[in-house]
Amino acid sequence: RFTIARDNAKNTVYLQMSSLNSEDTAVYYCRLQIHGTDRWGQ
């Protein structure tokens, strides 16, 4: 139902969500991980 993809030229990651249902209701957070760095979006 969901597809994650990235565009390095735009420094952007996407989450395409389809066939959504009530159990998908939530706050969605983005996370970046590389050795020594772990960051979350708002």
PDB file of all heavy atoms in Angstrom:
ATOM      1  N   ARG A   1       0.828  -1.233   0.000  1.00  0.00           N
ATOM      2  CA  ARG A   1       0.000   0.000   0.000  1.00  0.00           C
ATOM      3  C   ARG A   1       0.850   1.267   0.000  1.00  0.00           C
ATOM      4  O   ARG A   1       0.441   2.280  -0.564  1.00  0.00           O
ATOM      5  CB  ARG A   1      -0.902   0.021   1.232  1.00  0.00           C
ATOM      6  CG  ARG A   1      -1.859  -1.148   1.328  1.00  0.00           C
ATOM      7  CD  ARG A   1      -2.869  -0.931   2.462  1.00  0.00           C
ATOM      8  NE  ARG A   1      -2.237  -0.820   3.772  1.00  0.00           N
ATOM      9  CZ  ARG A   1      -2.368   0.238   4.588  1.00  0.00           C
ATOM     10  NH1 ARG A   1      -3.110   1.268   4.208  1.00  0.00           N
ATOM     11  NH2 ARG A   1      -1.772   0.257   5.769  1.00  0.00           N
ATOM     12  N   PHE A   2       2.001   1.208   0.633  1.00  0.00           N
ATOM     13  CA  PHE A   2       2.874   2.376   0.753  1.00  0.00           C
ATOM     14  C   PHE A   2       4.146   2.142  -0.057  1.00  0.00           C
ATOM     15  O   PHE A   2       4.623   1.006  -0.167  1.00  0.00           O
ATOM     16  CB  PHE A   2       3.279   2.609   2.205  1.00  0.00           C
ATOM     17  CG  PHE A   2       2.171   3.081   3.116  1.00  0.00           C
ATOM     18  CD1 PHE A   2       0.842   3.066   2.726  1.00  0.00           C
ATOM     19  CD2 PHE A   2       2.486   3.546   4.395  1.00  0.00           C
ATOM     20  CE1 PHE A   2      -0.161   3.493   3.572  1.00  0.00           C
ATOM     21  CE2 PHE A   2       1.497   3.977   5.262  1.00  0.00           C
ATOM     22  CZ  PHE A   2       0.173   3.944   4.851  1.00  0.00           C
ATOM     23  N   THR A   3       4.691   3.232  -0.593  1.00  0.00           N
ATOM     24  CA  THR A   3       5.957   3.173  -1.327  1.00  0.00           C
ATOM     25  C   THR A   3       6.853   4.302  -0.876  1.00  0.00           C
ATOM     26  O   THR A   3       6.437   5.468  -0.875  1.00  0.00           O
ATOM     27  CB  THR A   3       5.720   3.271  -2.840  1.00  0.00           C
ATOM     28  OG1 THR A   3       4.857   2.217  -3.273  1.00  0.00           O
ATOM     29  CG2 THR A   3       7.039   3.178  -3.592  1.00  0.00           C
ATOM     30  N   ILE A   4       8.074   3.956  -0.492  1.00  0.00           N
ATOM     31  CA  ILE A   4       9.064   4.958  -0.122  1.00  0.00           C
ATOM     32  C   ILE A   4      10.014   5.142  -1.301  1.00  0.00           C
ATOM     33  O   ILE A   4      10.383   4.177  -1.979  1.00  0.00           O
ATOM     34  CB  ILE A   4       9.828   4.555   1.160  1.00  0.00           C
ATOM     35  CG1 ILE A   4      10.699   5.699   1.666  1.00  0.00           C
ATOM     36  CG2 ILE A   4      10.637   3.273   0.961  1.00  0.00           C
ATOM     37  CD1 ILE A   4      11.289   5.448   3.052  1.00  0.00           C
ATOM     38  N   ALA A   5      10.393   6.398  -1.543  1.00  0.00           N
ATOM     39  CA  ALA A   5      11.303   6.706  -2.641  1.00  0.00           C
ATOM     40  C   ALA A   5      12.124   7.927  -2.268  1.00  0.00           C
ATOM     41  O   ALA A   5      11.729   8.693  -1.374  1.00  0.00           O
ATOM     42  CB  ALA A   5      10.515   6.964  -3.928  1.00  0.00           C
ATOM     43  N   ARG A   6      13.229   8.103  -2.953  1.00  0.00           N
ATOM     44  CA  ARG A   6      14.083   9.247  -2.637  1.00  0.00           C
ATOM     45  C   ARG A   6      14.547   9.924  -3.918  1.00  0.00           C
ATOM     46  O   ARG A   6      14.684   9.276  -4.967  1.00  0.00           O
ATOM     47  CB  ARG A   6      15.278   8.822  -1.786  1.00  0.00           C
ATOM     48  CG  ARG A   6      16.264   7.909  -2.470  1.00  0.00           C
ATOM     49  CD  ARG A   6      17.273   7.341  -1.451  1.00  0.00           C
ATOM     50  NE  ARG A   6      18.050   8.402  -0.808  1.00  0.00           N
ATOM     51  CZ  ARG A   6      18.644   8.267   0.376  1.00  0.00           C
ATOM     52  NH1 ARG A   6      18.538   7.119   1.052  1.00  0.00           N
ATOM     53  NH2 ARG A   6      19.359   9.259   0.881  1.00  0.00           N
ATOM     54  N   ASP A   7      14.799  11.227  -3.792  1.00  0.00           N
ATOM     55  CA  ASP A   7      15.353  12.024  -4.880  1.00  0.00           C
ATOM     56  C   ASP A   7      16.556  12.760  -4.305  1.00  0.00           C
ATOM     57  O   ASP A   7      16.405  13.782  -3.629  1.00  0.00           O
ATOM     58  CB  ASP A   7      14.300  13.005  -5.413  1.00  0.00           C
ATOM     59  CG  ASP A   7      14.786  13.782  -6.621  1.00  0.00           C
ATOM     60  OD1 ASP A   7      16.006  13.873  -6.838  1.00  0.00           O
ATOM     61  OD2 ASP A   7      13.939  14.317  -7.348  1.00  0.00           O
ATOM     62  N   ASN A   8      17.736  12.229  -4.542  1.00  0.00           N
ATOM     63  CA  ASN A   8      18.942  12.816  -3.961  1.00  0.00           C
ATOM     64  C   ASN A   8      19.234  14.213  -4.511  1.00  0.00           C
ATOM     65  O   ASN A   8      19.856  15.028  -3.825  1.00  0.00           O
ATOM     66  CB  ASN A   8      20.135  11.899  -4.193  1.00  0.00           C
ATOM     67  CG  ASN A   8      20.071  10.636  -3.353  1.00  0.00           C
ATOM     68  OD1 ASN A   8      19.354  10.574  -2.349  1.00  0.00           O
ATOM     69  ND2 ASN A   8      20.791   9.612  -3.769  1.00  0.00           N
ATOM     70  N   ALA A   9      18.795  14.489  -5.717  1.00  0.00           N
ATOM     71  CA  ALA A   9      19.020  15.819  -6.283  1.00  0.00           C
ATOM     72  C   ALA A   9      18.234  16.889  -5.520  1.00  0.00           C
ATOM     73  O   ALA A   9      18.623  18.063  -5.513  1.00  0.00           O
ATOM     74  CB  ALA A   9      18.625  15.835  -7.751  1.00  0.00           C
ATOM     75  N   LYS A  10      17.142  16.457  -4.887  1.00  0.00           N
ATOM     76  CA  LYS A  10      16.305  17.398  -4.134  1.00  0.00           C
ATOM     77  C   LYS A  10      16.410  17.195  -2.626  1.00  0.00           C
ATOM     78  O   LYS A  10      15.690  17.853  -1.871  1.00  0.00           O
ATOM     79  CB  LYS A  10      14.833  17.229  -4.554  1.00  0.00           C
ATOM     80  CG  LYS A  10      14.559  17.585  -6.003  1.00  0.00           C
ATOM     81  CD  LYS A  10      13.089  17.433  -6.344  1.00  0.00           C
ATOM     82  CE  LYS A  10      12.817  17.828  -7.789  1.00  0.00           C
ATOM     83  NZ  LYS A  10      11.376  17.684  -8.141  1.00  0.00           N
ATOM     84  N   ASN A  11      17.294  16.290  -2.197  1.00  0.00           N
ATOM     85  CA  ASN A  11      17.427  15.975  -0.760  1.00  0.00           C
ATOM     86  C   ASN A  11      16.078  15.644  -0.135  1.00  0.00           C
ATOM     87  O   ASN A  11      15.780  16.039   1.001  1.00  0.00           O
ATOM     88  CB  ASN A  11      18.062  17.151   0.001  1.00  0.00           C
ATOM     89  CG  ASN A  11      19.526  17.337  -0.300  1.00  0.00           C
ATOM     90  OD1 ASN A  11      20.161  16.486  -0.923  1.00  0.00           O
ATOM     91  ND2 ASN A  11      20.086  18.446   0.136  1.00  0.00           N
ATOM     92  N   THR A  12      15.275  14.899  -0.862  1.00  0.00           N
ATOM     93  CA  THR A  12      13.902  14.649  -0.444  1.00  0.00           C
ATOM     94  C   THR A  12      13.566  13.164  -0.498  1.00  0.00           C
ATOM     95  O   THR A  12      13.942  12.473  -1.455  1.00  0.00           O
ATOM     96  CB  THR A  12      12.914  15.439  -1.320  1.00  0.00           C
ATOM     97  OG1 THR A  12      13.182  16.836  -1.190  1.00  0.00           O
ATOM     98  CG2 THR A  12      11.472  15.176  -0.902  1.00  0.00           C
ATOM     99  N   VAL A  13      12.860  12.723   0.530  1.00  0.00           N
ATOM    100  CA  VAL A  13      12.321  11.371   0.566  1.00  0.00           C
ATOM    101  C   VAL A  13      10.803  11.474   0.588  1.00  0.00           C
ATOM    102  O   VAL A  13      10.240  12.405   1.177  1.00  0.00           O
ATOM    103  CB  VAL A  13      12.853  10.581   1.793  1.00  0.00           C
ATOM    104  CG1 VAL A  13      12.455  11.232   3.105  1.00  0.00           C
ATOM    105  CG2 VAL A  13      12.409   9.130   1.740  1.00  0.00           C
ATOM    106  N   TYR A  14      10.169  10.545  -0.086  1.00  0.00           N
ATOM    107  CA  TYR A  14       8.720  10.552  -0.217  1.00  0.00           C
ATOM    108  C   TYR A  14       8.116   9.278   0.378  1.00  0.00           C
ATOM    109  O   TYR A  14       8.768   8.235   0.432  1.00  0.00           O
ATOM    110  CB  TYR A  14       8.321  10.636  -1.695  1.00  0.00           C
ATOM    111  CG  TYR A  14       8.892  11.805  -2.427  1.00  0.00           C
ATOM    112  CD1 TYR A  14      10.057  11.665  -3.192  1.00  0.00           C
ATOM    113  CD2 TYR A  14       8.294  13.052  -2.357  1.00  0.00           C
ATOM    114  CE1 TYR A  14      10.599  12.741  -3.872  1.00  0.00           C
ATOM    115  CE2 TYR A  14       8.827  14.133  -3.038  1.00  0.00           C
ATOM    116  CZ  TYR A  14       9.972  13.974  -3.790  1.00  0.00           C
ATOM    117  OH  TYR A  14      10.503  15.045  -4.458  1.00  0.00           O
ATOM    118  N   LEU A  15       6.877   9.403   0.785  1.00  0.00           N
ATOM    119  CA  LEU A  15       6.110   8.227   1.175  1.00  0.00           C
ATOM    120  C   LEU A  15       4.759   8.335   0.478  1.00  0.00           C
ATOM    121  O   LEU A  15       3.938   9.183   0.833  1.00  0.00           O
ATOM    122  CB  LEU A  15       5.917   8.147   2.691  1.00  0.00           C
ATOM    123  CG  LEU A  15       5.213   6.880   3.176  1.00  0.00           C
ATOM    124  CD1 LEU A  15       6.127   5.658   2.957  1.00  0.00           C
ATOM    125  CD2 LEU A  15       4.828   6.986   4.647  1.00  0.00           C
ATOM    126  N   GLN A  16       4.579   7.520  -0.532  1.00  0.00           N
ATOM    127  CA  GLN A  16       3.300   7.461  -1.239  1.00  0.00           C
ATOM    128  C   GLN A  16       2.424   6.452  -0.528  1.00  0.00           C
ATOM    129  O   GLN A  16       2.793   5.277  -0.395  1.00  0.00           O
ATOM    130  CB  GLN A  16       3.503   7.040  -2.690  1.00  0.00           C
ATOM    131  CG  GLN A  16       2.211   6.928  -3.487  1.00  0.00           C
ATOM    132  CD  GLN A  16       1.536   8.269  -3.686  1.00  0.00           C
ATOM    133  OE1 GLN A  16       2.176   9.248  -4.078  1.00  0.00           O
ATOM    134  NE2 GLN A  16       0.236   8.322  -3.412  1.00  0.00           N
ATOM    135  N   MET A  17       1.269   6.906  -0.053  1.00  0.00           N
ATOM    136  CA  MET A  17       0.365   6.067   0.713  1.00  0.00           C
ATOM    137  C   MET A  17      -0.942   5.911  -0.041  1.00  0.00           C
ATOM    138  O   MET A  17      -1.536   6.910  -0.462  1.00  0.00           O
ATOM    139  CB  MET A  17       0.109   6.686   2.089  1.00  0.00           C
ATOM    140  CG  MET A  17       1.372   7.001   2.870  1.00  0.00           C
ATOM    141  SD  MET A  17       1.040   7.631   4.529  1.00  0.00           S
ATOM    142  CE  MET A  17       0.296   9.214   4.138  1.00  0.00           C
ATOM    143  N   SER A  18      -1.389   4.689  -0.195  1.00  0.00           N
ATOM    144  CA  SER A  18      -2.658   4.438  -0.864  1.00  0.00           C
ATOM    145  C   SER A  18      -3.471   3.437  -0.055  1.00  0.00           C
ATOM    146  O   SER A  18      -2.966   2.828   0.887  1.00  0.00           O
ATOM    147  CB  SER A  18      -2.436   3.929  -2.288  1.00  0.00           C
ATOM    148  OG  SER A  18      -1.684   2.728  -2.273  1.00  0.00           O
ATOM    149  N   SER A  19      -4.718   3.280  -0.434  1.00  0.00           N
ATOM    150  CA  SER A  19      -5.648   2.393   0.278  1.00  0.00           C
ATOM    151  C   SER A  19      -5.599   2.647   1.779  1.00  0.00           C
ATOM    152  O   SER A  19      -5.529   1.721   2.588  1.00  0.00           O
ATOM    153  CB  SER A  19      -5.320   0.927  -0.027  1.00  0.00           C
ATOM    154  OG  SER A  19      -5.416   0.658  -1.406  1.00  0.00           O
ATOM    155  N   LEU A  20      -5.644   3.909   2.131  1.00  0.00           N
ATOM    156  CA  LEU A  20      -5.527   4.289   3.542  1.00  0.00           C
ATOM    157  C   LEU A  20      -6.752   3.839   4.327  1.00  0.00           C
ATOM    158  O   LEU A  20      -7.882   3.826   3.816  1.00  0.00           O
ATOM    159  CB  LEU A  20      -5.341   5.795   3.665  1.00  0.00           C
ATOM    160  CG  LEU A  20      -3.954   6.299   3.227  1.00  0.00           C
ATOM    161  CD1 LEU A  20      -3.977   7.795   2.936  1.00  0.00           C
ATOM    162  CD2 LEU A  20      -2.929   5.987   4.310  1.00  0.00           C
ATOM    163  N   ASN A  21      -6.511   3.473   5.565  1.00  0.00           N
ATOM    164  CA  ASN A  21      -7.599   3.109   6.470  1.00  0.00           C
ATOM    165  C   ASN A  21      -7.389   3.800   7.815  1.00  0.00           C
ATOM    166  O   ASN A  21      -6.361   4.443   8.050  1.00  0.00           O
ATOM    167  CB  ASN A  21      -7.700   1.591   6.608  1.00  0.00           C
ATOM    168  CG  ASN A  21      -6.422   0.970   7.141  1.00  0.00           C
ATOM    169  OD1 ASN A  21      -5.992   1.262   8.248  1.00  0.00           O
ATOM    170  ND2 ASN A  21      -5.809   0.091   6.352  1.00  0.00           N
ATOM    171  N   SER A  22      -8.349   3.643   8.694  1.00  0.00           N
ATOM    172  CA  SER A  22      -8.319   4.376   9.965  1.00  0.00           C
ATOM    173  C   SER A  22      -7.098   4.027  10.810  1.00  0.00           C
ATOM    174  O   SER A  22      -6.641   4.850  11.608  1.00  0.00           O
ATOM    175  CB  SER A  22      -9.600   4.105  10.753  1.00  0.00           C
ATOM    176  OG  SER A  22      -9.743   2.715  11.006  1.00  0.00           O
ATOM    177  N   GLU A  23      -6.580   2.830  10.632  1.00  0.00           N
ATOM    178  CA  GLU A  23      -5.406   2.425  11.409  1.00  0.00           C
ATOM    179  C   GLU A  23      -4.136   3.136  10.948  1.00  0.00           C
ATOM    180  O   GLU A  23      -3.107   3.051  11.622  1.00  0.00           O
ATOM    181  CB  GLU A  23      -5.221   0.909  11.331  1.00  0.00           C
ATOM    182  CG  GLU A  23      -6.346   0.133  12.006  1.00  0.00           C
ATOM    183  CD  GLU A  23      -6.102  -1.365  12.010  1.00  0.00           C
ATOM    184  OE1 GLU A  23      -5.164  -1.816  11.335  1.00  0.00           O
ATOM    185  OE2 GLU A  23      -6.855  -2.082  12.703  1.00  0.00           O
ATOM    186  N   ASP A  24      -4.199   3.842   9.837  1.00  0.00           N
ATOM    187  CA  ASP A  24      -3.050   4.609   9.368  1.00  0.00           C
ATOM    188  C   ASP A  24      -3.027   6.017   9.971  1.00  0.00           C
ATOM    189  O   ASP A  24      -2.071   6.768   9.743  1.00  0.00           O
ATOM    190  CB  ASP A  24      -3.074   4.719   7.840  1.00  0.00           C
ATOM    191  CG  ASP A  24      -2.945   3.369   7.153  1.00  0.00           C
ATOM    192  OD1 ASP A  24      -2.099   2.560   7.597  1.00  0.00           O
ATOM    193  OD2 ASP A  24      -3.684   3.127   6.185  1.00  0.00           O
ATOM    194  N   THR A  25      -4.055   6.371  10.707  1.00  0.00           N
ATOM    195  CA  THR A  25      -4.102   7.684  11.349  1.00  0.00           C
ATOM    196  C   THR A  25      -2.987   7.787  12.384  1.00  0.00           C
ATOM    197  O   THR A  25      -2.886   6.957  13.290  1.00  0.00           O
ATOM    198  CB  THR A  25      -5.463   7.911  12.015  1.00  0.00           C
ATOM    199  OG1 THR A  25      -6.469   7.987  10.996  1.00  0.00           O
ATOM    200  CG2 THR A  25      -5.463   9.193  12.829  1.00  0.00           C
ATOM    201  N   ALA A  26      -2.148   8.802  12.238  1.00  0.00           N
ATOM    202  CA  ALA A  26      -0.996   8.963  13.118  1.00  0.00           C
ATOM    203  C   ALA A  26      -0.245  10.235  12.734  1.00  0.00           C
ATOM    204  O   ALA A  26      -0.524  10.841  11.697  1.00  0.00           O
ATOM    205  CB  ALA A  26      -0.058   7.764  13.004  1.00  0.00           C
ATOM    206  N   VAL A  27       0.702  10.587  13.587  1.00  0.00           N
ATOM    207  CA  VAL A  27       1.688  11.593  13.194  1.00  0.00           C
ATOM    208  C   VAL A  27       2.838  10.836  12.537  1.00  0.00           C
ATOM    209  O   VAL A  27       3.365   9.876  13.107  1.00  0.00           O
ATOM    210  CB  VAL A  27       2.188  12.402  14.394  1.00  0.00           C
ATOM    211  CG1 VAL A  27       3.253  13.400  13.957  1.00  0.00           C
ATOM    212  CG2 VAL A  27       1.031  13.124  15.068  1.00  0.00           C
ATOM    213  N   TYR A  28       3.208  11.266  11.352  1.00  0.00           N
ATOM    214  CA  TYR A  28       4.268  10.623  10.581  1.00  0.00           C
ATOM    215  C   TYR A  28       5.545  11.452  10.690  1.00  0.00           C
ATOM    216  O   TYR A  28       5.529  12.665  10.466  1.00  0.00           O
ATOM    217  CB  TYR A  28       3.844  10.469   9.130  1.00  0.00           C
ATOM    218  CG  TYR A  28       2.855   9.353   8.931  1.00  0.00           C
ATOM    219  CD1 TYR A  28       1.551   9.464   9.395  1.00  0.00           C
ATOM    220  CD2 TYR A  28       3.228   8.161   8.309  1.00  0.00           C
ATOM    221  CE1 TYR A  28       0.639   8.424   9.244  1.00  0.00           C
ATOM    222  CE2 TYR A  28       2.336   7.121   8.141  1.00  0.00           C
ATOM    223  CZ  TYR A  28       1.046   7.262   8.612  1.00  0.00           C
ATOM    224  OH  TYR A  28       0.139   6.221   8.466  1.00  0.00           O
ATOM    225  N   TYR A  29       6.639  10.758  11.016  1.00  0.00           N
ATOM    226  CA  TYR A  29       7.925  11.398  11.220  1.00  0.00           C
ATOM    227  C   TYR A  29       8.942  10.886  10.210  1.00  0.00           C
ATOM    228  O   TYR A  29       9.013   9.682   9.921  1.00  0.00           O
ATOM    229  CB  TYR A  29       8.457  11.114  12.620  1.00  0.00           C
ATOM    230  CG  TYR A  29       7.611  11.664  13.740  1.00  0.00           C
ATOM    231  CD1 TYR A  29       6.602  10.902  14.310  1.00  0.00           C
ATOM    232  CD2 TYR A  29       7.848  12.944  14.240  1.00  0.00           C
ATOM    233  CE1 TYR A  29       5.830  11.403  15.345  1.00  0.00           C
ATOM    234  CE2 TYR A  29       7.083  13.452  15.282  1.00  0.00           C
ATOM    235  CZ  TYR A  29       6.075  12.677  15.822  1.00  0.00           C
ATOM    236  OH  TYR A  29       5.311  13.171  16.852  1.00  0.00           O
ATOM    237  N   CYS A  30       9.765  11.774   9.759  1.00  0.00           N
ATOM    238  CA  CYS A  30      10.880  11.455   8.886  1.00  0.00           C
ATOM    239  C   CYS A  30      12.136  11.322   9.750  1.00  0.00           C
ATOM    240  O   CYS A  30      12.292  12.054  10.737  1.00  0.00           O
ATOM    241  CB  CYS A  30      11.036  12.594   7.879  1.00  0.00           C
ATOM    242  SG  CYS A  30      12.453  12.506   6.809  1.00  0.00           S
ATOM    243  N   ARG A  31      13.005  10.414   9.375  1.00  0.00           N
ATOM    244  CA  ARG A  31      14.237  10.185  10.131  1.00  0.00           C
ATOM    245  C   ARG A  31      15.407  10.042   9.176  1.00  0.00           C
ATOM    246  O   ARG A  31      15.314   9.360   8.152  1.00  0.00           O
ATOM    247  CB  ARG A  31      14.116   8.925  10.983  1.00  0.00           C
ATOM    248  CG  ARG A  31      15.298   8.658  11.895  1.00  0.00           C
ATOM    249  CD  ARG A  31      15.088   7.343  12.648  1.00  0.00           C
ATOM    250  NE  ARG A  31      16.073   7.147  13.711  1.00  0.00           N
ATOM    251  CZ  ARG A  31      16.155   6.032  14.447  1.00  0.00           C
ATOM    252  NH1 ARG A  31      15.310   5.032  14.246  1.00  0.00           N
ATOM    253  NH2 ARG A  31      17.079   5.934  15.388  1.00  0.00           N
ATOM    254  N   LEU A  32      16.528  10.652   9.541  1.00  0.00           N
ATOM    255  CA  LEU A  32      17.775  10.546   8.783  1.00  0.00           C
ATOM    256  C   LEU A  32      18.812   9.886   9.668  1.00  0.00           C
ATOM    257  O   LEU A  32      19.027  10.330  10.812  1.00  0.00           O
ATOM    258  CB  LEU A  32      18.247  11.933   8.339  1.00  0.00           C
ATOM    259  CG  LEU A  32      19.552  12.028   7.560  1.00  0.00           C
ATOM    260  CD1 LEU A  32      19.497  13.218   6.603  1.00  0.00           C
ATOM    261  CD2 LEU A  32      20.771  12.143   8.472  1.00  0.00           C
ATOM    262  N   GLN A  33      19.451   8.857   9.144  1.00  0.00           N
ATOM    263  CA  GLN A  33      20.471   8.151   9.913  1.00  0.00           C
ATOM    264  C   GLN A  33      21.721   7.939   9.078  1.00  0.00           C
ATOM    265  O   GLN A  33      21.666   7.482   7.940  1.00  0.00           O
ATOM    266  CB  GLN A  33      19.949   6.777  10.355  1.00  0.00           C
ATOM    267  CG  GLN A  33      18.837   6.823  11.387  1.00  0.00           C
ATOM    268  CD  GLN A  33      18.357   5.422  11.726  1.00  0.00           C
ATOM    269  OE1 GLN A  33      17.580   4.808  10.999  1.00  0.00           O
ATOM    270  NE2 GLN A  33      18.833   4.905  12.850  1.00  0.00           N
ATOM    271  N   ILE A  34      22.857   8.294   9.695  1.00  0.00           N
ATOM    272  CA  ILE A  34      24.156   7.966   9.162  1.00  0.00           C
ATOM    273  C   ILE A  34      25.084   7.956  10.354  1.00  0.00           C
ATOM    274  O   ILE A  34      24.842   8.673  11.316  1.00  0.00           O
ATOM    275  CB  ILE A  34      24.599   8.953   8.063  1.00  0.00           C
ATOM    276  CG1 ILE A  34      25.896   8.472   7.416  1.00  0.00           C
ATOM    277  CG2 ILE A  34      24.701  10.364   8.586  1.00  0.00           C
ATOM    278  CD1 ILE A  34      26.292   9.251   6.183  1.00  0.00           C
ATOM    279  N   HIS A  35      26.141   7.187  10.319  1.00  0.00           N
ATOM    280  CA  HIS A  35      26.974   7.027  11.507  1.00  0.00           C
ATOM    281  C   HIS A  35      27.280   8.369  12.159  1.00  0.00           C
ATOM    282  O   HIS A  35      27.776   9.298  11.535  1.00  0.00           O
ATOM    283  CB  HIS A  35      28.271   6.292  11.155  1.00  0.00           C
ATOM    284  CG  HIS A  35      28.953   6.802   9.933  1.00  0.00           C
ATOM    285  ND1 HIS A  35      29.719   7.933   9.911  1.00  0.00           N
ATOM    286  CD2 HIS A  35      28.994   6.309   8.676  1.00  0.00           C
ATOM    287  CE1 HIS A  35      30.187   8.117   8.706  1.00  0.00           C
ATOM    288  NE2 HIS A  35      29.766   7.144   7.942  1.00  0.00           N
ATOM    289  N   GLY A  36      26.902   8.472  13.433  1.00  0.00           N
ATOM    290  CA  GLY A  36      27.134   9.685  14.203  1.00  0.00           C
ATOM    291  C   GLY A  36      26.031  10.709  14.118  1.00  0.00           C
ATOM    292  O   GLY A  36      26.058  11.717  14.824  1.00  0.00           O
ATOM    293  N   THR A  37      25.057  10.465  13.247  1.00  0.00           N
ATOM    294  CA  THR A  37      23.970  11.420  13.075  1.00  0.00           C
ATOM    295  C   THR A  37      22.641  10.689  13.047  1.00  0.00           C
ATOM    296  O   THR A  37      22.485   9.712  12.314  1.00  0.00           O
ATOM    297  CB  THR A  37      24.138  12.218  11.772  1.00  0.00           C
ATOM    298  OG1 THR A  37      25.365  12.949  11.806  1.00  0.00           O
ATOM    299  CG2 THR A  37      22.982  13.204  11.584  1.00  0.00           C
ATOM    300  N   ASP A  38      21.696  11.187  13.837  1.00  0.00           N
ATOM    301  CA  ASP A  38      20.352  10.625  13.886  1.00  0.00           C
ATOM    302  C   ASP A  38      19.395  11.795  14.102  1.00  0.00           C
ATOM    303  O   ASP A  38      19.367  12.377  15.176  1.00  0.00           O
ATOM    304  CB  ASP A  38      20.238   9.606  15.021  1.00  0.00           C
ATOM    305  CG  ASP A  38      18.925   8.845  15.000  1.00  0.00           C
ATOM    306  OD1 ASP A  38      18.021   9.218  14.219  1.00  0.00           O
ATOM    307  OD2 ASP A  38      18.788   7.873  15.765  1.00  0.00           O
ATOM    308  N   ARG A  39      18.659  12.159  13.077  1.00  0.00           N
ATOM    309  CA  ARG A  39      17.779  13.328  13.125  1.00  0.00           C
ATOM    310  C   ARG A  39      16.340  12.956  12.792  1.00  0.00           C
ATOM    311  O   ARG A  39      16.095  12.091  11.958  1.00  0.00           O
ATOM    312  CB  ARG A  39      18.250  14.399  12.136  1.00  0.00           C
ATOM    313  CG  ARG A  39      19.592  14.994  12.445  1.00  0.00           C
ATOM    314  CD  ARG A  39      19.538  15.974  13.608  1.00  0.00           C
ATOM    315  NE  ARG A  39      20.848  16.565  13.852  1.00  0.00           N
ATOM    316  CZ  ARG A  39      21.737  16.073  14.712  1.00  0.00           C
ATOM    317  NH1 ARG A  39      21.451  14.991  15.409  1.00  0.00           N
ATOM    318  NH2 ARG A  39      22.896  16.676  14.870  1.00  0.00           N
ATOM    319  N   TRP A  40      15.427  13.667  13.469  1.00  0.00           N
ATOM    320  CA  TRP A  40      13.997  13.484  13.248  1.00  0.00           C
ATOM    321  C   TRP A  40      13.376  14.795  12.778  1.00  0.00           C
ATOM    322  O   TRP A  40      13.794  15.883  13.185  1.00  0.00           O
ATOM    323  CB  TRP A  40      13.298  13.058  14.532  1.00  0.00           C
ATOM    324  CG  TRP A  40      13.663  11.700  15.013  1.00  0.00           C
ATOM    325  CD1 TRP A  40      14.733  11.376  15.805  1.00  0.00           C
ATOM    326  CD2 TRP A  40      12.968  10.477  14.762  1.00  0.00           C
ATOM    327  NE1 TRP A  40      14.735  10.023  16.057  1.00  0.00           N
ATOM    328  CE2 TRP A  40      13.666   9.442  15.427  1.00  0.00           C
ATOM    329  CE3 TRP A  40      11.822  10.144  14.044  1.00  0.00           C
ATOM    330  CZ2 TRP A  40      13.251   8.107  15.390  1.00  0.00           C
ATOM    331  CZ3 TRP A  40      11.412   8.827  14.006  1.00  0.00           C
ATOM    332  CH2 TRP A  40      12.123   7.822  14.667  1.00  0.00           C
ATOM    333  N   GLY A  41      12.367  14.679  11.953  1.00  0.00           N
ATOM    334  CA  GLY A  41      11.569  15.824  11.593  1.00  0.00           C
ATOM    335  C   GLY A  41      10.544  16.118  12.671  1.00  0.00           C
ATOM    336  O   GLY A  41      10.438  15.406  13.668  1.00  0.00           O
ATOM    337  N   GLN A  42       9.766  17.164  12.442  1.00  0.00           N
ATOM    338  CA  GLN A  42       8.807  17.608  13.450  1.00  0.00           C
ATOM    339  C   GLN A  42       7.503  16.822  13.392  1.00  0.00           C
ATOM    340  O   GLN A  42       6.686  16.896  14.313  1.00  0.00           O
ATOM    341  CB  GLN A  42       8.511  19.109  13.281  1.00  0.00           C
ATOM    342  CG  GLN A  42       7.487  19.461  12.203  1.00  0.00           C
ATOM    343  CD  GLN A  42       8.014  19.320  10.790  1.00  0.00           C
ATOM    344  OE1 GLN A  42       9.195  19.052  10.566  1.00  0.00           O
ATOM    345  NE2 GLN A  42       7.129  19.499   9.819  1.00  0.00           N
TER     346      GLN A  42
END
